[in-house]
Amino acid sequence: MTDDETILGVIETLAGRHGATSRIAMFGGTAVLLGGNMVAALSPRGLLLRVGGDRHDAALARPGTRPMEMRGKPMRGYLYVDPAGLDAASLDGWAQMAVDYVASLPAKAARRERGPRRMDES
């Protein structure tokens, strides 16, 4: 299952059970946010998931994963999953892990200054 819209739709549906979701352009692809916090981003680099620091090592030990790095520094709590290796069950599991973590975070206040443009705005 590598269809981008399917992957984003599953994440958005699970996240939507916890509150308002949105999509924005982020990390060279499309991100799904819950309460203003990134749950996941899908780009040519893979499916970036925010799993939290407590689950990071266990999640990274699973097949098809690699750490997210920013400017050569590993970002604890974030990892990439190879979308080509996802089936419906594994996608649900990964998405639920990310949604569970992000749902535990406080929602971000609405931005006042001009920020990234939402995908649904023209």
PDB file of N, CA and C in Angstrom:
ATOM      1  N   MET A   1       0.864  -1.182   0.000  1.00  0.00           N
ATOM      2  CA  MET A   1       0.000   0.000   0.000  1.00  0.00           C
ATOM      3  C   MET A   1       0.904   1.237   0.000  1.00  0.00           C
ATOM      4  N   THR A   2       1.068   1.855  -1.135  1.00  0.00           N
ATOM      5  CA  THR A   2       1.906   3.044  -1.190  1.00  0.00           C
ATOM      6  C   THR A   2       1.151   4.266  -1.690  1.00  0.00           C
ATOM      7  N   ASP A   3      -0.142   4.149  -1.875  1.00  0.00           N
ATOM      8  CA  ASP A   3      -0.928   5.270  -2.351  1.00  0.00           C
ATOM      9  C   ASP A   3      -0.931   6.383  -1.302  1.00  0.00           C
ATOM     10  N   ASP A   4      -0.402   7.539  -1.662  1.00  0.00           N
ATOM     11  CA  ASP A   4      -0.258   8.647  -0.716  1.00  0.00           C
ATOM     12  C   ASP A   4      -1.582   9.062  -0.082  1.00  0.00           C
ATOM     13  N   GLU A   5      -2.610   9.174  -0.878  1.00  0.00           N
ATOM     14  CA  GLU A   5      -3.903   9.623  -0.354  1.00  0.00           C
ATOM     15  C   GLU A   5      -4.478   8.629   0.642  1.00  0.00           C
ATOM     16  N   THR A   6      -4.282   7.351   0.398  1.00  0.00           N
ATOM     17  CA  THR A   6      -4.748   6.326   1.337  1.00  0.00           C
ATOM     18  C   THR A   6      -4.012   6.437   2.665  1.00  0.00           C
ATOM     19  N   ILE A   7      -2.700   6.570   2.608  1.00  0.00           N
ATOM     20  CA  ILE A   7      -1.891   6.687   3.824  1.00  0.00           C
ATOM     21  C   ILE A   7      -2.308   7.915   4.622  1.00  0.00           C
ATOM     22  N   LEU A   8      -2.386   9.056   3.967  1.00  0.00           N
ATOM     23  CA  LEU A   8      -2.777  10.289   4.662  1.00  0.00           C
ATOM     24  C   LEU A   8      -4.205  10.193   5.188  1.00  0.00           C
ATOM     25  N   GLY A   9      -5.095   9.554   4.434  1.00  0.00           N
ATOM     26  CA  GLY A   9      -6.483   9.413   4.855  1.00  0.00           C
ATOM     27  C   GLY A   9      -6.624   8.570   6.113  1.00  0.00           C
ATOM     28  N   VAL A  10      -5.873   7.477   6.204  1.00  0.00           N
ATOM     29  CA  VAL A  10      -5.920   6.631   7.398  1.00  0.00           C
ATOM     30  C   VAL A  10      -5.447   7.422   8.617  1.00  0.00           C
ATOM     31  N   ILE A  11      -4.351   8.138   8.475  1.00  0.00           N
ATOM     32  CA  ILE A  11      -3.818   8.924   9.592  1.00  0.00           C
ATOM     33  C   ILE A  11      -4.800  10.009   9.996  1.00  0.00           C
ATOM     34  N   GLU A  12      -5.354  10.689   9.006  1.00  0.00           N
ATOM     35  CA  GLU A  12      -6.300  11.768   9.276  1.00  0.00           C
ATOM     36  C   GLU A  12      -7.576  11.246   9.956  1.00  0.00           C
ATOM     37  N   THR A  13      -8.053  10.090   9.534  1.00  0.00           N
ATOM     38  CA  THR A  13      -9.251   9.505  10.139  1.00  0.00           C
ATOM     39  C   THR A  13      -9.014   9.147  11.608  1.00  0.00           C
ATOM     40  N   LEU A  14      -7.899   8.498  11.892  1.00  0.00           N
ATOM     41  CA  LEU A  14      -7.587   8.135  13.278  1.00  0.00           C
ATOM     42  C   LEU A  14      -7.373   9.380  14.139  1.00  0.00           C
ATOM     43  N   ALA A  15      -6.674  10.357  13.606  1.00  0.00           N
ATOM     44  CA  ALA A  15      -6.422  11.595  14.357  1.00  0.00           C
ATOM     45  C   ALA A  15      -7.715  12.363  14.583  1.00  0.00           C
ATOM     46  N   GLY A  16      -8.614  12.325  13.610  1.00  0.00           N
ATOM     47  CA  GLY A  16      -9.870  13.056  13.700  1.00  0.00           C
ATOM     48  C   GLY A  16     -10.768  12.604  14.837  1.00  0.00           C
ATOM     49  N   ARG A  17     -10.531  11.436  15.356  1.00  0.00           N
ATOM     50  CA  ARG A  17     -11.299  10.954  16.516  1.00  0.00           C
ATOM     51  C   ARG A  17     -10.935  11.715  17.791  1.00  0.00           C
ATOM     52  N   HIS A  18      -9.821  12.455  17.739  1.00  0.00           N
ATOM     53  CA  HIS A  18      -9.336  13.181  18.917  1.00  0.00           C
ATOM     54  C   HIS A  18      -9.503  14.692  18.801  1.00  0.00           C
ATOM     55  N   GLY A  19      -9.893  15.172  17.637  1.00  0.00           N
ATOM     56  CA  GLY A  19     -10.058  16.608  17.454  1.00  0.00           C
ATOM     57  C   GLY A  19      -9.890  17.012  16.004  1.00  0.00           C
ATOM     58  N   ALA A  20      -9.779  18.318  15.808  1.00  0.00           N
ATOM     59  CA  ALA A  20      -9.673  18.861  14.457  1.00  0.00           C
ATOM     60  C   ALA A  20      -8.312  18.538  13.844  1.00  0.00           C
ATOM     61  N   THR A  21      -8.342  18.123  12.588  1.00  0.00           N
ATOM     62  CA  THR A  21      -7.109  17.847  11.855  1.00  0.00           C
ATOM     63  C   THR A  21      -6.971  18.836  10.708  1.00  0.00           C
ATOM     64  N   SER A  22      -5.766  18.942  10.219  1.00  0.00           N
ATOM     65  CA  SER A  22      -5.515  19.756   9.035  1.00  0.00           C
ATOM     66  C   SER A  22      -4.333  19.153   8.293  1.00  0.00           C
ATOM     67  N   ARG A  23      -4.194  19.560   7.053  1.00  0.00           N
ATOM     68  CA  ARG A  23      -3.044  19.169   6.245  1.00  0.00           C
ATOM     69  C   ARG A  23      -2.303  20.433   5.838  1.00  0.00           C
ATOM     70  N   ILE A  24      -0.990  20.357   5.909  1.00  0.00           N
ATOM     71  CA  ILE A  24      -0.172  21.470   5.445  1.00  0.00           C
ATOM     72  C   ILE A  24       1.044  20.914   4.703  1.00  0.00           C
ATOM     73  N   ALA A  25       1.644  21.756   3.899  1.00  0.00           N
ATOM     74  CA  ALA A  25       2.896  21.398   3.244  1.00  0.00           C
ATOM     75  C   ALA A  25       4.005  21.490   4.281  1.00  0.00           C
ATOM     76  N   MET A  26       4.770  20.397   4.420  1.00  0.00           N
ATOM     77  CA  MET A  26       5.831  20.368   5.422  1.00  0.00           C
ATOM     78  C   MET A  26       6.846  19.298   5.035  1.00  0.00           C
ATOM     79  N   PHE A  27       8.108  19.556   5.261  1.00  0.00           N
ATOM     80  CA  PHE A  27       9.187  18.599   5.014  1.00  0.00           C
ATOM     81  C   PHE A  27       9.179  18.074   3.586  1.00  0.00           C
ATOM     82  N   GLY A  28       8.813  18.905   2.636  1.00  0.00           N
ATOM     83  CA  GLY A  28       8.824  18.512   1.237  1.00  0.00           C
ATOM     84  C   GLY A  28       7.675  17.610   0.835  1.00  0.00           C
ATOM     85  N   GLY A  29       6.649  17.559   1.669  1.00  0.00           N
ATOM     86  CA  GLY A  29       5.497  16.710   1.377  1.00  0.00           C
ATOM     87  C   GLY A  29       4.253  17.270   2.042  1.00  0.00           C
ATOM     88  N   THR A  30       3.386  16.384   2.480  1.00  0.00           N
ATOM     89  CA  THR A  30       2.144  16.772   3.125  1.00  0.00           C
ATOM     90  C   THR A  30       2.114  16.215   4.537  1.00  0.00           C
ATOM     91  N   ALA A  31       1.792  17.071   5.483  1.00  0.00           N
ATOM     92  CA  ALA A  31       1.717  16.659   6.885  1.00  0.00           C
ATOM     93  C   ALA A  31       0.275  16.691   7.364  1.00  0.00           C
ATOM     94  N   VAL A  32      -0.037  15.791   8.292  1.00  0.00           N
ATOM     95  CA  VAL A  32      -1.324  15.769   8.983  1.00  0.00           C
ATOM     96  C   VAL A  32      -1.079  16.278  10.394  1.00  0.00           C
ATOM     97  N   LEU A  33      -1.857  17.285  10.778  1.00  0.00           N
ATOM     98  CA  LEU A  33      -1.736  17.863  12.107  1.00  0.00           C
ATOM     99  C   LEU A  33      -2.990  17.581  12.919  1.00  0.00           C
ATOM    100  N   LEU A  34      -2.812  17.422  14.207  1.00  0.00           N
ATOM    101  CA  LEU A  34      -3.902  17.273  15.157  1.00  0.00           C
ATOM    102  C   LEU A  34      -3.712  18.345  16.212  1.00  0.00           C
ATOM    103  N   GLY A  35      -4.671  19.239  16.326  1.00  0.00           N
ATOM    104  CA  GLY A  35      -4.543  20.330  17.287  1.00  0.00           C
ATOM    105  C   GLY A  35      -3.320  21.189  17.037  1.00  0.00           C
ATOM    106  N   GLY A  36      -2.897  21.287  15.792  1.00  0.00           N
ATOM    107  CA  GLY A  36      -1.737  22.089  15.429  1.00  0.00           C
ATOM    108  C   GLY A  36      -0.403  21.380  15.593  1.00  0.00           C
ATOM    109  N   ASN A  37      -0.404  20.150  16.083  1.00  0.00           N
ATOM    110  CA  ASN A  37       0.816  19.358  16.254  1.00  0.00           C
ATOM    111  C   ASN A  37       0.916  18.319  15.144  1.00  0.00           C
ATOM    112  N   MET A  38       2.111  18.160  14.572  1.00  0.00           N
ATOM    113  CA  MET A  38       2.310  17.202  13.494  1.00  0.00           C
ATOM    114  C   MET A  38       2.182  15.769  14.004  1.00  0.00           C
ATOM    115  N   VAL A  39       1.363  14.988  13.327  1.00  0.00           N
ATOM    116  CA  VAL A  39       1.243  13.553  13.589  1.00  0.00           C
ATOM    117  C   VAL A  39       2.177  12.812  12.646  1.00  0.00           C
ATOM    118  N   ALA A  40       2.112  13.159  11.359  1.00  0.00           N
ATOM    119  CA  ALA A  40       2.884  12.468  10.332  1.00  0.00           C
ATOM    120  C   ALA A  40       3.050  13.382   9.133  1.00  0.00           C
ATOM    121  N   ALA A  41       4.072  13.089   8.340  1.00  0.00           N
ATOM    122  CA  ALA A  41       4.293  13.799   7.079  1.00  0.00           C
ATOM    123  C   ALA A  41       4.738  12.777   6.043  1.00  0.00           C
ATOM    124  N   LEU A  42       4.151  12.855   4.884  1.00  0.00           N
ATOM    125  CA  LEU A  42       4.490  11.942   3.807  1.00  0.00           C
ATOM    126  C   LEU A  42       5.191  12.733   2.718  1.00  0.00           C
ATOM    127  N   SER A  43       6.406  12.287   2.380  1.00  0.00           N
ATOM    128  CA  SER A  43       7.211  12.969   1.363  1.00  0.00           C
ATOM    129  C   SER A  43       7.997  11.911   0.599  1.00  0.00           C
ATOM    130  N   PRO A  44       8.764  12.323  -0.414  1.00  0.00           N
ATOM    131  CA  PRO A  44       9.591  11.342  -1.129  1.00  0.00           C
ATOM    132  C   PRO A  44      10.594  10.624  -0.220  1.00  0.00           C
ATOM    133  N   ARG A  45      10.894  11.182   0.942  1.00  0.00           N
ATOM    134  CA  ARG A  45      11.819  10.533   1.884  1.00  0.00           C
ATOM    135  C   ARG A  45      11.168   9.420   2.684  1.00  0.00           C
ATOM    136  N   GLY A  46       9.841   9.335   2.665  1.00  0.00           N
ATOM    137  CA  GLY A  46       9.141   8.297   3.404  1.00  0.00           C
ATOM    138  C   GLY A  46       8.026   8.882   4.251  1.00  0.00           C
ATOM    139  N   LEU A  47       7.515   8.042   5.135  1.00  0.00           N
ATOM    140  CA  LEU A  47       6.460   8.450   6.056  1.00  0.00           C
ATOM    141  C   LEU A  47       7.114   8.816   7.383  1.00  0.00           C
ATOM    142  N   LEU A  48       7.101  10.097   7.699  1.00  0.00           N
ATOM    143  CA  LEU A  48       7.661  10.596   8.945  1.00  0.00           C
ATOM    144  C   LEU A  48       6.573  10.542  10.004  1.00  0.00           C
ATOM    145  N   LEU A  49       6.859   9.881  11.119  1.00  0.00           N
ATOM    146  CA  LEU A  49       5.895   9.751  12.201  1.00  0.00           C
ATOM    147  C   LEU A  49       6.459  10.345  13.482  1.00  0.00           C
ATOM    148  N   ARG A  50       5.593  10.974  14.229  1.00  0.00           N
ATOM    149  CA  ARG A  50       5.971  11.517  15.536  1.00  0.00           C
ATOM    150  C   ARG A  50       5.465  10.532  16.590  1.00  0.00           C
ATOM    151  N   VAL A  51       6.380   9.719  17.115  1.00  0.00           N
ATOM    152  CA  VAL A  51       5.990   8.659  18.044  1.00  0.00           C
ATOM    153  C   VAL A  51       6.314   8.980  19.500  1.00  0.00           C
ATOM    154  N   GLY A  52       7.077  10.020  19.753  1.00  0.00           N
ATOM    155  CA  GLY A  52       7.443  10.394  21.117  1.00  0.00           C
ATOM    156  C   GLY A  52       8.718   9.710  21.578  1.00  0.00           C
ATOM    157  N   GLY A  53       9.379  10.338  22.503  1.00  0.00           N
ATOM    158  CA  GLY A  53      10.664   9.842  22.998  1.00  0.00           C
ATOM    159  C   GLY A  53      10.587   8.503  23.694  1.00  0.00           C
ATOM    160  N   ASP A  54       9.502   8.238  24.422  1.00  0.00           N
ATOM    161  CA  ASP A  54       9.374   6.981  25.162  1.00  0.00           C
ATOM    162  C   ASP A  54       9.254   5.775  24.246  1.00  0.00           C
ATOM    163  N   ARG A  55       8.684   5.948  23.079  1.00  0.00           N
ATOM    164  CA  ARG A  55       8.479   4.836  22.146  1.00  0.00           C
ATOM    165  C   ARG A  55       9.527   4.795  21.042  1.00  0.00           C
ATOM    166  N   HIS A  56      10.411   5.760  21.033  1.00  0.00           N
ATOM    167  CA  HIS A  56      11.368   5.925  19.935  1.00  0.00           C
ATOM    168  C   HIS A  56      12.214   4.676  19.693  1.00  0.00           C
ATOM    169  N   ASP A  57      12.896   4.183  20.718  1.00  0.00           N
ATOM    170  CA  ASP A  57      13.820   3.058  20.523  1.00  0.00           C
ATOM    171  C   ASP A  57      13.101   1.795  20.075  1.00  0.00           C
ATOM    172  N   ALA A  58      11.975   1.481  20.695  1.00  0.00           N
ATOM    173  CA  ALA A  58      11.220   0.287  20.313  1.00  0.00           C
ATOM    174  C   ALA A  58      10.697   0.412  18.881  1.00  0.00           C
ATOM    175  N   ALA A  59      10.211   1.586  18.521  1.00  0.00           N
ATOM    176  CA  ALA A  59       9.698   1.793  17.165  1.00  0.00           C
ATOM    177  C   ALA A  59      10.822   1.701  16.141  1.00  0.00           C
ATOM    178  N   LEU A  60      11.965   2.257  16.469  1.00  0.00           N
ATOM    179  CA  LEU A  60      13.103   2.250  15.548  1.00  0.00           C
ATOM    180  C   LEU A  60      13.673   0.848  15.352  1.00  0.00           C
ATOM    181  N   ALA A  61      13.438  -0.052  16.287  1.00  0.00           N
ATOM    182  CA  ALA A  61      13.918  -1.426  16.170  1.00  0.00           C
ATOM    183  C   ALA A  61      13.077  -2.253  15.193  1.00  0.00           C
ATOM    184  N   ARG A  62      11.926  -1.743  14.810  1.00  0.00           N
ATOM    185  CA  ARG A  62      11.059  -2.466  13.883  1.00  0.00           C
ATOM    186  C   ARG A  62      11.588  -2.355  12.454  1.00  0.00           C
ATOM    187  N   PRO A  63      11.313  -3.354  11.609  1.00  0.00           N
ATOM    188  CA  PRO A  63      11.810  -3.326  10.228  1.00  0.00           C
ATOM    189  C   PRO A  63      11.232  -2.160   9.420  1.00  0.00           C
ATOM    190  N   GLY A  64      12.011  -1.681   8.470  1.00  0.00           N
ATOM    191  CA  GLY A  64      11.554  -0.636   7.561  1.00  0.00           C
ATOM    192  C   GLY A  64      11.589   0.761   8.143  1.00  0.00           C
ATOM    193  N   THR A  65      12.300   0.959   9.256  1.00  0.00           N
ATOM    194  CA  THR A  65      12.370   2.279   9.888  1.00  0.00           C
ATOM    195  C   THR A  65      13.788   2.825   9.835  1.00  0.00           C
ATOM    196  N   ARG A  66      13.875   4.128   9.975  1.00  0.00           N
ATOM    197  CA  ARG A  66      15.172   4.792  10.118  1.00  0.00           C
ATOM    198  C   ARG A  66      14.941   6.089  10.880  1.00  0.00           C
ATOM    199  N   PRO A  67      15.970   6.575  11.559  1.00  0.00           N
ATOM    200  CA  PRO A  67      15.771   7.798  12.352  1.00  0.00           C
ATOM    201  C   PRO A  67      15.612   9.022  11.462  1.00  0.00           C
ATOM    202  N   MET A  68      14.892   9.997  11.964  1.00  0.00           N
ATOM    203  CA  MET A  68      14.824  11.284  11.297  1.00  0.00           C
ATOM    204  C   MET A  68      16.045  12.080  11.755  1.00  0.00           C
ATOM    205  N   GLU A  69      16.706  12.722  10.831  1.00  0.00           N
ATOM    206  CA  GLU A  69      17.832  13.587  11.165  1.00  0.00           C
ATOM    207  C   GLU A  69      17.565  14.970  10.629  1.00  0.00           C
ATOM    208  N   MET A  70      17.938  15.961  11.387  1.00  0.00           N
ATOM    209  CA  MET A  70      17.842  17.338  10.957  1.00  0.00           C
ATOM    210  C   MET A  70      19.230  17.958  11.122  1.00  0.00           C
ATOM    211  N   ARG A  71      19.789  18.363   9.996  1.00  0.00           N
ATOM    212  CA  ARG A  71      21.151  18.912   9.967  1.00  0.00           C
ATOM    213  C   ARG A  71      22.157  17.956  10.601  1.00  0.00           C
ATOM    214  N   GLY A  72      21.980  16.657  10.305  1.00  0.00           N
ATOM    215  CA  GLY A  72      22.896  15.635  10.782  1.00  0.00           C
ATOM    216  C   GLY A  72      22.675  15.180  12.215  1.00  0.00           C
ATOM    217  N   LYS A  73      21.676  15.733  12.884  1.00  0.00           N
ATOM    218  CA  LYS A  73      21.406  15.375  14.271  1.00  0.00           C
ATOM    219  C   LYS A  73      20.127  14.542  14.342  1.00  0.00           C
ATOM    220  N   PRO A  74      20.197  13.348  14.985  1.00  0.00           N
ATOM    221  CA  PRO A  74      18.977  12.541  15.123  1.00  0.00           C
ATOM    222  C   PRO A  74      17.937  13.270  15.978  1.00  0.00           C
ATOM    223  N   MET A  75      16.692  13.183  15.548  1.00  0.00           N
ATOM    224  CA  MET A  75      15.590  13.823  16.263  1.00  0.00           C
ATOM    225  C   MET A  75      14.807  12.755  17.013  1.00  0.00           C
ATOM    226  N   ARG A  76      15.031  12.679  18.308  1.00  0.00           N
ATOM    227  CA  ARG A  76      14.374  11.667  19.137  1.00  0.00           C
ATOM    228  C   ARG A  76      12.853  11.891  19.109  1.00  0.00           C
ATOM    229  N   GLY A  77      12.123  10.805  18.958  1.00  0.00           N
ATOM    230  CA  GLY A  77      10.670  10.886  18.926  1.00  0.00           C
ATOM    231  C   GLY A  77      10.089  10.930  17.526  1.00  0.00           C
ATOM    232  N   TYR A  78      10.957  11.072  16.525  1.00  0.00           N
ATOM    233  CA  TYR A  78      10.523  11.117  15.126  1.00  0.00           C
ATOM    234  C   TYR A  78      11.275  10.029  14.361  1.00  0.00           C
ATOM    235  N   LEU A  79      10.590   9.350  13.455  1.00  0.00           N
ATOM    236  CA  LEU A  79      11.268   8.358  12.627  1.00  0.00           C
ATOM    237  C   LEU A  79      10.553   8.213  11.295  1.00  0.00           C
ATOM    238  N   TYR A  80      11.294   7.680  10.346  1.00  0.00           N
ATOM    239  CA  TYR A  80      10.735   7.403   9.024  1.00  0.00           C
ATOM    240  C   TYR A  80      10.389   5.929   8.916  1.00  0.00           C
ATOM    241  N   VAL A  81       9.282   5.660   8.241  1.00  0.00           N
ATOM    242  CA  VAL A  81       8.863   4.308   7.911  1.00  0.00           C
ATOM    243  C   VAL A  81       8.768   4.245   6.390  1.00  0.00           C
ATOM    244  N   ASP A  82       9.267   3.169   5.815  1.00  0.00           N
ATOM    245  CA  ASP A  82       9.214   2.985   4.368  1.00  0.00           C
ATOM    246  C   ASP A  82       7.777   2.666   3.961  1.00  0.00           C
ATOM    247  N   PRO A  83       7.110   3.550   3.210  1.00  0.00           N
ATOM    248  CA  PRO A  83       5.719   3.309   2.824  1.00  0.00           C
ATOM    249  C   PRO A  83       5.541   2.055   1.971  1.00  0.00           C
ATOM    250  N   ALA A  84       6.560   1.665   1.228  1.00  0.00           N
ATOM    251  CA  ALA A  84       6.443   0.489   0.362  1.00  0.00           C
ATOM    252  C   ALA A  84       6.224  -0.780   1.173  1.00  0.00           C
ATOM    253  N   GLY A  85       6.654  -0.807   2.414  1.00  0.00           N
ATOM    254  CA  GLY A  85       6.499  -1.986   3.250  1.00  0.00           C
ATOM    255  C   GLY A  85       5.231  -2.004   4.074  1.00  0.00           C
ATOM    256  N   LEU A  86       4.353  -1.027   3.873  1.00  0.00           N
ATOM    257  CA  LEU A  86       3.129  -0.939   4.673  1.00  0.00           C
ATOM    258  C   LEU A  86       1.987  -1.712   4.039  1.00  0.00           C
ATOM    259  N   ASP A  87       1.285  -2.470   4.862  1.00  0.00           N
ATOM    260  CA  ASP A  87       0.001  -3.021   4.457  1.00  0.00           C
ATOM    261  C   ASP A  87      -1.043  -2.357   5.361  1.00  0.00           C
ATOM    262  N   ALA A  88      -2.296  -2.715   5.211  1.00  0.00           N
ATOM    263  CA  ALA A  88      -3.352  -2.040   5.971  1.00  0.00           C
ATOM    264  C   ALA A  88      -3.143  -2.175   7.474  1.00  0.00           C
ATOM    265  N   ALA A  89      -2.767  -3.353   7.936  1.00  0.00           N
ATOM    266  CA  ALA A  89      -2.599  -3.572   9.381  1.00  0.00           C
ATOM    267  C   ALA A  89      -1.403  -2.794   9.934  1.00  0.00           C
ATOM    268  N   SER A  90      -0.278  -2.836   9.229  1.00  0.00           N
ATOM    269  CA  SER A  90       0.895  -2.123   9.746  1.00  0.00           C
ATOM    270  C   SER A  90       0.695  -0.613   9.682  1.00  0.00           C
ATOM    271  N   LEU A  91       0.019  -0.128   8.650  1.00  0.00           N
ATOM    272  CA  LEU A  91      -0.272   1.303   8.576  1.00  0.00           C
ATOM    273  C   LEU A  91      -1.147   1.722   9.751  1.00  0.00           C
ATOM    274  N   ASP A  92      -2.170   0.949  10.053  1.00  0.00           N
ATOM    275  CA  ASP A  92      -3.024   1.261  11.204  1.00  0.00           C
ATOM    276  C   ASP A  92      -2.218   1.303  12.497  1.00  0.00           C
ATOM    277  N   GLY A  93      -1.326   0.338  12.676  1.00  0.00           N
ATOM    278  CA  GLY A  93      -0.510   0.294  13.891  1.00  0.00           C
ATOM    279  C   GLY A  93       0.402   1.495  14.033  1.00  0.00           C
ATOM    280  N   TRP A  94       1.094   1.835  12.949  1.00  0.00           N
ATOM    281  CA  TRP A  94       1.979   3.005  12.985  1.00  0.00           C
ATOM    282  C   TRP A  94       1.183   4.289  13.200  1.00  0.00           C
ATOM    283  N   ALA A  95       0.096   4.423  12.469  1.00  0.00           N
ATOM    284  CA  ALA A  95      -0.713   5.635  12.588  1.00  0.00           C
ATOM    285  C   ALA A  95      -1.267   5.776  13.997  1.00  0.00           C
ATOM    286  N   GLN A  96      -1.731   4.666  14.576  1.00  0.00           N
ATOM    287  CA  GLN A  96      -2.280   4.727  15.933  1.00  0.00           C
ATOM    288  C   GLN A  96      -1.206   5.118  16.945  1.00  0.00           C
ATOM    289  N   MET A  97       0.010   4.617  16.762  1.00  0.00           N
ATOM    290  CA  MET A  97       1.103   4.971  17.661  1.00  0.00           C
ATOM    291  C   MET A  97       1.358   6.484  17.631  1.00  0.00           C
ATOM    292  N   ALA A  98       1.409   7.041  16.434  1.00  0.00           N
ATOM    293  CA  ALA A  98       1.658   8.478  16.292  1.00  0.00           C
ATOM    294  C   ALA A  98       0.486   9.297  16.827  1.00  0.00           C
ATOM    295  N   VAL A  99      -0.727   8.888  16.503  1.00  0.00           N
ATOM    296  CA  VAL A  99      -1.917   9.612  16.965  1.00  0.00           C
ATOM    297  C   VAL A  99      -2.010   9.575  18.488  1.00  0.00           C
ATOM    298  N   ASP A 100      -1.759   8.415  19.078  1.00  0.00           N
ATOM    299  CA  ASP A 100      -1.814   8.311  20.542  1.00  0.00           C
ATOM    300  C   ASP A 100      -0.853   9.295  21.202  1.00  0.00           C
ATOM    301  N   TYR A 101       0.350   9.394  20.657  1.00  0.00           N
ATOM    302  CA  TYR A 101       1.316  10.323  21.243  1.00  0.00           C
ATOM    303  C   TYR A 101       0.864  11.772  21.061  1.00  0.00           C
ATOM    304  N   VAL A 102       0.531  12.145  19.859  1.00  0.00           N
ATOM    305  CA  VAL A 102       0.185  13.540  19.584  1.00  0.00           C
ATOM    306  C   VAL A 102      -1.109  13.940  20.290  1.00  0.00           C
ATOM    307  N   ALA A 103      -2.037  13.016  20.440  1.00  0.00           N
ATOM    308  CA  ALA A 103      -3.288  13.320  21.153  1.00  0.00           C
ATOM    309  C   ALA A 103      -3.026  13.639  22.624  1.00  0.00           C
ATOM    310  N   SER A 104      -1.897  13.190  23.147  1.00  0.00           N
ATOM    311  CA  SER A 104      -1.555  13.469  24.544  1.00  0.00           C
ATOM    312  C   SER A 104      -0.943  14.865  24.733  1.00  0.00           C
ATOM    313  N   LEU A 105      -0.625  15.531  23.644  1.00  0.00           N
ATOM    314  CA  LEU A 105      -0.003  16.857  23.709  1.00  0.00           C
ATOM    315  C   LEU A 105      -1.069  17.953  23.773  1.00  0.00           C
ATOM    316  N   PRO A 106      -0.739  19.080  24.403  1.00  0.00           N
ATOM    317  CA  PRO A 106      -1.690  20.198  24.369  1.00  0.00           C
ATOM    318  C   PRO A 106      -1.773  20.772  22.953  1.00  0.00           C
ATOM    319  N   ALA A 107      -2.953  21.204  22.580  1.00  0.00           N
ATOM    320  CA  ALA A 107      -3.124  21.824  21.262  1.00  0.00           C
ATOM    321  C   ALA A 107      -2.342  23.124  21.212  1.00  0.00           C
ATOM    322  N   LYS A 108      -1.855  23.449  20.039  1.00  0.00           N
ATOM    323  CA  LYS A 108      -1.136  24.709  19.857  1.00  0.00           C
ATOM    324  C   LYS A 108      -2.129  25.836  19.637  1.00  0.00           C
ATOM    325  N   ALA A 109      -1.777  27.012  20.134  1.00  0.00           N
ATOM    326  CA  ALA A 109      -2.607  28.192  19.905  1.00  0.00           C
ATOM    327  C   ALA A 109      -2.547  28.556  18.427  1.00  0.00           C
ATOM    328  N   ALA A 110      -3.619  29.131  17.937  1.00  0.00           N
ATOM    329  CA  ALA A 110      -3.658  29.557  16.532  1.00  0.00           C
ATOM    330  C   ALA A 110      -2.562  30.575  16.277  1.00  0.00           C
ATOM    331  N   ARG A 111      -1.929  30.454  15.129  1.00  0.00           N
ATOM    332  CA  ARG A 111      -0.852  31.379  14.764  1.00  0.00           C
ATOM    333  C   ARG A 111      -1.438  32.699  14.292  1.00  0.00           C
ATOM    334  N   ARG A 112      -0.838  33.771  14.712  1.00  0.00           N
ATOM    335  CA  ARG A 112      -1.298  35.092  14.271  1.00  0.00           C
ATOM    336  C   ARG A 112      -0.541  35.578  13.063  1.00  0.00           C
ATOM    337  N   GLU A 113       0.768  35.297  13.036  1.00  0.00           N
ATOM    338  CA  GLU A 113       1.543  35.728  11.882  1.00  0.00           C
ATOM    339  C   GLU A 113       1.331  34.758  10.738  1.00  0.00           C
ATOM    340  N   ARG A 114       1.683  35.184   9.565  1.00  0.00           N
ATOM    341  CA  ARG A 114       1.515  34.336   8.384  1.00  0.00           C
ATOM    342  C   ARG A 114       2.464  33.156   8.496  1.00  0.00           C
ATOM    343  N   GLY A 115       1.919  31.975   8.451  1.00  0.00           N
ATOM    344  CA  GLY A 115       2.705  30.750   8.537  1.00  0.00           C
ATOM    345  C   GLY A 115       2.558  29.945   7.271  1.00  0.00           C
ATOM    346  N   PRO A 116       2.885  28.676   7.353  1.00  0.00           N
ATOM    347  CA  PRO A 116       2.727  27.826   6.167  1.00  0.00           C
ATOM    348  C   PRO A 116       1.280  27.818   5.698  1.00  0.00           C
ATOM    349  N   ARG A 117       1.102  27.785   4.411  1.00  0.00           N
ATOM    350  CA  ARG A 117      -0.239  27.805   3.834  1.00  0.00           C
ATOM    351  C   ARG A 117      -0.858  26.416   3.875  1.00  0.00           C
ATOM    352  N   ARG A 118      -2.084  26.346   4.289  1.00  0.00           N
ATOM    353  CA  ARG A 118      -2.787  25.063   4.348  1.00  0.00           C
ATOM    354  C   ARG A 118      -3.022  24.551   2.931  1.00  0.00           C
ATOM    355  N   MET A 119      -3.036  23.245   2.804  1.00  0.00           N
ATOM    356  CA  MET A 119      -3.195  22.615   1.492  1.00  0.00           C
ATOM    357  C   MET A 119      -4.565  22.923   0.883  1.00  0.00           C
ATOM    358  N   ASP A 120      -5.588  23.190   1.704  1.00  0.00           N
ATOM    359  CA  ASP A 120      -6.919  23.408   1.166  1.00  0.00           C
ATOM    360  C   ASP A 120      -7.210  24.875   0.840  1.00  0.00           C
ATOM    361  N   GLU A 121      -6.253  25.761   1.070  1.00  0.00           N
ATOM    362  CA  GLU A 121      -6.428  27.177   0.737  1.00  0.00           C
ATOM    363  C   GLU A 121      -5.912  27.451  -0.653  1.00  0.00           C
ATOM    364  N   SER A 122      -6.531  28.361  -1.354  1.00  0.00           N
ATOM    365  CA  SER A 122      -6.043  28.701  -2.689  1.00  0.00           C
ATOM    366  C   SER A 122      -5.345  30.024  -2.678  1.00  0.00           C
TER     367      SER A 122
END
